[in-house]
């Protein structure tokens, strides 16, 4: 039995007389729309904040952080940090006066 990737590879490799190029392109366009994109949703509840940071850190280390990150309540600040202006995902937070005084 073929998985999704195996089936897609068979379609891509099929000769043009079996499956026309236009049909292949239409198939992959529809498949891309149906399967969508990977996203990360960080839920609320203040106690989960440290877990959110750990999950994001692990995803960054493995270069798996998705382009779409969303969060509610306690997840919102954690989800916003990797994409805040002036920072690249996975970089250490900049030290500020307020963070040094804690």
N, C-alpha and C. Protein backbone atom coordinates (compact mmCIF):
# COMPACT_ATOMS: atom_id res chain seq x y z
N UNK A 1 0.84 -1.18 0.00
CA UNK A 1 0.00 0.00 0.00
C UNK A 1 0.89 1.25 0.00
N UNK A 2 0.59 2.18 -0.85
CA UNK A 2 1.38 3.40 -0.96
C UNK A 2 0.86 4.44 0.02
N UNK A 3 1.78 5.17 0.61
CA UNK A 3 1.40 6.31 1.44
C UNK A 3 1.17 7.52 0.54
N UNK A 4 0.84 8.64 1.20
CA UNK A 4 0.61 9.88 0.42
C UNK A 4 1.80 10.23 -0.44
N UNK A 5 3.00 10.14 0.14
CA UNK A 5 4.19 10.56 -0.60
C UNK A 5 4.48 9.61 -1.76
N UNK A 6 4.28 8.32 -1.54
CA UNK A 6 4.52 7.34 -2.59
C UNK A 6 3.58 7.54 -3.77
N UNK A 7 2.31 7.82 -3.46
CA UNK A 7 1.33 8.05 -4.51
C UNK A 7 1.66 9.33 -5.29
N UNK A 8 2.06 10.36 -4.57
CA UNK A 8 2.42 11.62 -5.23
C UNK A 8 3.63 11.43 -6.13
N UNK A 9 4.60 10.64 -5.67
CA UNK A 9 5.78 10.38 -6.50
C UNK A 9 5.41 9.60 -7.75
N UNK A 10 4.47 8.66 -7.63
CA UNK A 10 4.04 7.90 -8.81
C UNK A 10 3.35 8.80 -9.82
N UNK A 11 2.52 9.71 -9.33
CA UNK A 11 1.83 10.63 -10.24
C UNK A 11 2.84 11.54 -10.93
N UNK A 12 3.79 12.06 -10.15
CA UNK A 12 4.79 12.96 -10.73
C UNK A 12 5.66 12.25 -11.76
N UNK A 13 5.95 10.96 -11.52
CA UNK A 13 6.84 10.22 -12.41
C UNK A 13 6.12 9.62 -13.62
N UNK A 14 4.79 9.65 -13.62
CA UNK A 14 4.03 9.05 -14.73
C UNK A 14 4.36 9.76 -16.04
N UNK A 15 4.44 8.99 -17.09
CA UNK A 15 4.72 9.56 -18.42
C UNK A 15 3.56 10.45 -18.85
N UNK A 16 3.88 11.45 -19.67
CA UNK A 16 2.86 12.40 -20.13
C UNK A 16 1.74 11.74 -20.92
N UNK A 17 2.01 10.59 -21.55
CA UNK A 17 0.94 9.92 -22.28
C UNK A 17 0.00 9.16 -21.33
N UNK A 18 0.44 8.93 -20.08
CA UNK A 18 -0.43 8.31 -19.07
C UNK A 18 -1.26 9.38 -18.35
N UNK A 19 -0.57 10.42 -17.87
CA UNK A 19 -1.22 11.54 -17.17
C UNK A 19 -0.64 12.82 -17.75
N UNK A 20 -1.48 13.63 -18.35
CA UNK A 20 -1.01 14.87 -18.98
C UNK A 20 -0.43 15.82 -17.93
N UNK A 21 0.54 16.62 -18.34
CA UNK A 21 1.18 17.57 -17.43
C UNK A 21 0.16 18.50 -16.79
N UNK A 22 -0.81 18.97 -17.55
CA UNK A 22 -1.85 19.87 -17.00
C UNK A 22 -2.64 19.17 -15.89
N UNK A 23 -2.93 17.87 -16.08
CA UNK A 23 -3.65 17.11 -15.04
C UNK A 23 -2.79 16.95 -13.80
N UNK A 24 -1.49 16.72 -13.99
CA UNK A 24 -0.58 16.59 -12.85
C UNK A 24 -0.55 17.89 -12.06
N UNK A 25 -0.40 19.00 -12.77
CA UNK A 25 -0.33 20.30 -12.10
C UNK A 25 -1.62 20.60 -11.33
N UNK A 26 -2.75 20.29 -11.94
CA UNK A 26 -4.04 20.51 -11.28
C UNK A 26 -4.16 19.62 -10.05
N UNK A 27 -3.73 18.38 -10.14
CA UNK A 27 -3.77 17.47 -8.99
C UNK A 27 -2.95 18.01 -7.83
N UNK A 28 -1.72 18.45 -8.10
CA UNK A 28 -0.86 18.94 -7.03
C UNK A 28 -1.35 20.28 -6.48
N UNK A 29 -1.97 21.11 -7.32
CA UNK A 29 -2.55 22.36 -6.83
C UNK A 29 -3.69 22.06 -5.86
N UNK A 30 -4.57 21.13 -6.23
CA UNK A 30 -5.69 20.76 -5.34
C UNK A 30 -5.18 20.09 -4.08
N UNK A 31 -4.20 19.21 -4.20
CA UNK A 31 -3.66 18.52 -3.03
C UNK A 31 -3.04 19.51 -2.06
N UNK A 32 -2.33 20.50 -2.58
CA UNK A 32 -1.72 21.52 -1.73
C UNK A 32 -2.80 22.28 -0.96
N UNK A 33 -3.90 22.60 -1.64
CA UNK A 33 -5.00 23.31 -0.98
C UNK A 33 -5.66 22.43 0.08
N UNK A 34 -5.90 21.17 -0.23
CA UNK A 34 -6.59 20.27 0.70
C UNK A 34 -5.76 19.96 1.94
N UNK A 35 -4.48 19.76 1.76
CA UNK A 35 -3.64 19.41 2.90
C UNK A 35 -3.20 20.64 3.68
N UNK A 36 -3.28 21.82 3.08
CA UNK A 36 -2.98 23.05 3.79
C UNK A 36 -1.53 23.17 4.21
N UNK A 37 -1.34 23.95 5.25
CA UNK A 37 0.00 24.23 5.76
C UNK A 37 0.08 23.86 7.24
N UNK A 38 1.27 23.59 7.70
CA UNK A 38 1.48 23.27 9.10
C UNK A 38 1.40 24.55 9.92
N UNK A 39 0.76 24.46 11.08
CA UNK A 39 0.65 25.61 11.99
C UNK A 39 0.84 25.12 13.41
N UNK A 40 1.18 26.02 14.29
CA UNK A 40 1.33 25.73 15.71
C UNK A 40 0.37 26.61 16.47
N UNK A 41 -0.50 26.02 17.28
CA UNK A 41 -1.43 26.77 18.12
C UNK A 41 -1.07 26.51 19.57
N UNK A 42 -0.75 27.57 20.28
CA UNK A 42 -0.40 27.48 21.70
C UNK A 42 -1.62 27.91 22.51
N UNK A 43 -2.07 27.03 23.38
CA UNK A 43 -3.31 27.29 24.12
C UNK A 43 -3.08 28.21 25.31
N UNK A 44 -4.17 28.53 25.96
CA UNK A 44 -4.12 29.39 27.14
C UNK A 44 -3.76 28.60 28.39
N UNK A 45 -3.95 29.20 29.52
CA UNK A 45 -3.66 28.66 30.85
C UNK A 45 -2.21 28.98 31.21
N UNK A 46 -2.05 29.85 32.18
CA UNK A 46 -0.74 30.35 32.57
C UNK A 46 0.27 29.27 32.90
N UNK A 47 -0.19 28.14 33.43
CA UNK A 47 0.72 27.07 33.82
C UNK A 47 1.39 26.42 32.61
N UNK A 48 0.84 26.60 31.42
CA UNK A 48 1.41 25.98 30.22
C UNK A 48 2.51 26.82 29.59
N UNK A 49 2.69 28.06 30.04
CA UNK A 49 3.69 28.95 29.47
C UNK A 49 5.07 28.33 29.33
N UNK A 50 5.61 27.72 30.40
CA UNK A 50 6.94 27.11 30.27
C UNK A 50 6.99 25.98 29.24
N UNK A 51 5.89 25.25 29.11
CA UNK A 51 5.85 24.19 28.11
C UNK A 51 5.87 24.76 26.70
N UNK A 52 5.16 25.88 26.50
CA UNK A 52 5.16 26.54 25.20
C UNK A 52 6.58 26.90 24.78
N UNK A 53 7.33 27.48 25.70
CA UNK A 53 8.71 27.89 25.41
C UNK A 53 9.55 26.67 25.04
N UNK A 54 9.38 25.57 25.77
CA UNK A 54 10.13 24.34 25.48
C UNK A 54 9.79 23.76 24.12
N UNK A 55 8.51 23.77 23.77
CA UNK A 55 8.09 23.25 22.47
C UNK A 55 8.68 24.09 21.34
N UNK A 56 8.60 25.42 21.48
CA UNK A 56 9.15 26.30 20.45
C UNK A 56 10.66 26.11 20.32
N UNK A 57 11.34 26.01 21.45
CA UNK A 57 12.78 25.82 21.42
C UNK A 57 13.15 24.51 20.71
N UNK A 58 12.43 23.44 21.01
CA UNK A 58 12.72 22.14 20.37
C UNK A 58 12.45 22.20 18.87
N UNK A 59 11.36 22.86 18.47
CA UNK A 59 11.06 22.98 17.04
C UNK A 59 12.11 23.81 16.31
N UNK A 60 12.60 24.87 16.96
CA UNK A 60 13.66 25.69 16.35
C UNK A 60 14.94 24.88 16.21
N UNK A 61 15.30 24.15 17.26
CA UNK A 61 16.54 23.35 17.21
C UNK A 61 16.51 22.32 16.09
N UNK A 62 15.34 21.78 15.79
CA UNK A 62 15.21 20.78 14.73
C UNK A 62 14.84 21.40 13.39
N UNK A 63 14.80 22.74 13.33
CA UNK A 63 14.43 23.48 12.12
C UNK A 63 13.05 23.06 11.61
N UNK A 64 12.10 22.93 12.55
CA UNK A 64 10.74 22.51 12.21
C UNK A 64 9.69 23.54 12.60
N UNK A 65 10.10 24.73 13.02
CA UNK A 65 9.14 25.74 13.42
C UNK A 65 8.30 26.15 12.22
N UNK A 66 6.96 26.00 12.30
CA UNK A 66 6.12 26.36 11.15
C UNK A 66 6.07 27.87 10.94
N UNK A 67 5.65 28.27 9.75
CA UNK A 67 5.52 29.70 9.44
C UNK A 67 4.33 30.33 10.13
N UNK A 68 3.33 29.53 10.48
CA UNK A 68 2.12 30.04 11.12
C UNK A 68 2.15 29.63 12.58
N UNK A 69 2.16 30.65 13.47
CA UNK A 69 2.13 30.41 14.91
C UNK A 69 1.01 31.26 15.49
N UNK A 70 0.17 30.64 16.31
CA UNK A 70 -0.93 31.34 16.91
C UNK A 70 -1.00 30.97 18.38
N UNK A 71 -1.51 31.87 19.20
CA UNK A 71 -1.64 31.57 20.61
C UNK A 71 -2.77 32.34 21.24
N UNK A 72 -3.36 31.75 22.26
CA UNK A 72 -4.41 32.43 23.00
C UNK A 72 -3.99 32.50 24.46
N UNK A 73 -4.36 33.57 25.11
CA UNK A 73 -4.07 33.78 26.52
C UNK A 73 -2.57 33.62 26.77
N UNK A 74 -2.16 32.65 27.59
CA UNK A 74 -0.74 32.48 27.90
C UNK A 74 0.08 32.06 26.68
N UNK A 75 -0.56 31.48 25.69
CA UNK A 75 0.15 31.06 24.48
C UNK A 75 0.49 32.21 23.55
N UNK A 76 -0.21 33.34 23.70
CA UNK A 76 0.02 34.47 22.79
C UNK A 76 1.43 35.05 22.93
N UNK A 77 1.90 35.36 24.14
CA UNK A 77 3.27 35.89 24.24
C UNK A 77 4.33 34.89 23.78
N UNK A 78 4.13 33.61 24.12
CA UNK A 78 5.10 32.59 23.70
C UNK A 78 5.12 32.46 22.19
N UNK A 79 3.96 32.52 21.55
CA UNK A 79 3.88 32.41 20.10
C UNK A 79 4.43 33.62 19.39
N UNK A 80 4.37 34.78 20.03
CA UNK A 80 4.84 36.00 19.40
C UNK A 80 6.34 36.21 19.48
N UNK A 81 7.00 35.63 20.46
CA UNK A 81 8.44 35.85 20.64
C UNK A 81 9.28 35.44 19.44
N UNK A 82 9.08 34.25 18.88
CA UNK A 82 9.96 33.86 17.76
C UNK A 82 9.81 34.73 16.52
N UNK A 83 8.73 35.47 16.41
CA UNK A 83 8.49 36.25 15.20
C UNK A 83 8.45 37.75 15.48
N UNK A 84 8.86 38.16 16.66
CA UNK A 84 8.83 39.59 16.97
C UNK A 84 9.85 40.34 16.13
N UNK A 85 9.59 41.63 15.82
CA UNK A 85 10.48 42.40 14.94
C UNK A 85 11.93 42.41 15.43
N UNK A 86 12.83 42.25 14.50
CA UNK A 86 14.25 42.33 14.83
C UNK A 86 14.84 41.03 15.35
N UNK A 87 14.04 39.98 15.43
CA UNK A 87 14.56 38.71 15.93
C UNK A 87 14.34 37.63 14.89
N UNK A 88 15.32 36.80 14.76
CA UNK A 88 15.16 35.62 13.92
C UNK A 88 14.68 34.48 14.80
N UNK A 89 13.84 33.58 14.30
CA UNK A 89 13.41 32.46 15.11
C UNK A 89 14.62 31.69 15.64
N UNK A 90 14.57 31.37 16.91
CA UNK A 90 15.64 30.59 17.53
C UNK A 90 16.76 31.41 18.12
N UNK A 91 16.74 32.71 17.96
CA UNK A 91 17.79 33.52 18.56
C UNK A 91 17.46 33.78 20.02
N UNK A 92 18.48 34.03 20.80
CA UNK A 92 18.27 34.32 22.22
C UNK A 92 17.65 35.71 22.36
N UNK A 93 16.77 35.87 23.36
CA UNK A 93 16.18 37.21 23.58
C UNK A 93 17.26 38.23 23.91
N UNK A 94 17.03 39.46 23.44
CA UNK A 94 17.97 40.54 23.76
C UNK A 94 17.81 40.93 25.22
N UNK A 95 18.91 41.19 25.86
CA UNK A 95 18.85 41.62 27.26
C UNK A 95 18.46 43.10 27.30
N UNK A 96 17.50 43.40 28.15
CA UNK A 96 17.08 44.78 28.34
C UNK A 96 17.28 45.15 29.79
N UNK A 97 17.17 46.46 30.11
CA UNK A 97 17.32 46.89 31.48
C UNK A 97 16.35 46.17 32.40
N UNK A 98 15.09 46.03 31.96
CA UNK A 98 14.10 45.39 32.81
C UNK A 98 14.41 43.91 33.05
N UNK A 99 14.99 43.22 32.06
CA UNK A 99 15.32 41.81 32.26
C UNK A 99 16.54 41.65 33.16
N UNK A 100 17.45 42.62 33.18
CA UNK A 100 18.61 42.52 34.06
C UNK A 100 18.22 42.79 35.51
N UNK A 101 17.18 43.54 35.74
CA UNK A 101 16.77 43.89 37.09
C UNK A 101 15.91 42.83 37.74
N UNK A 102 15.58 41.78 37.07
CA UNK A 102 14.72 40.73 37.64
C UNK A 102 15.50 39.79 38.51
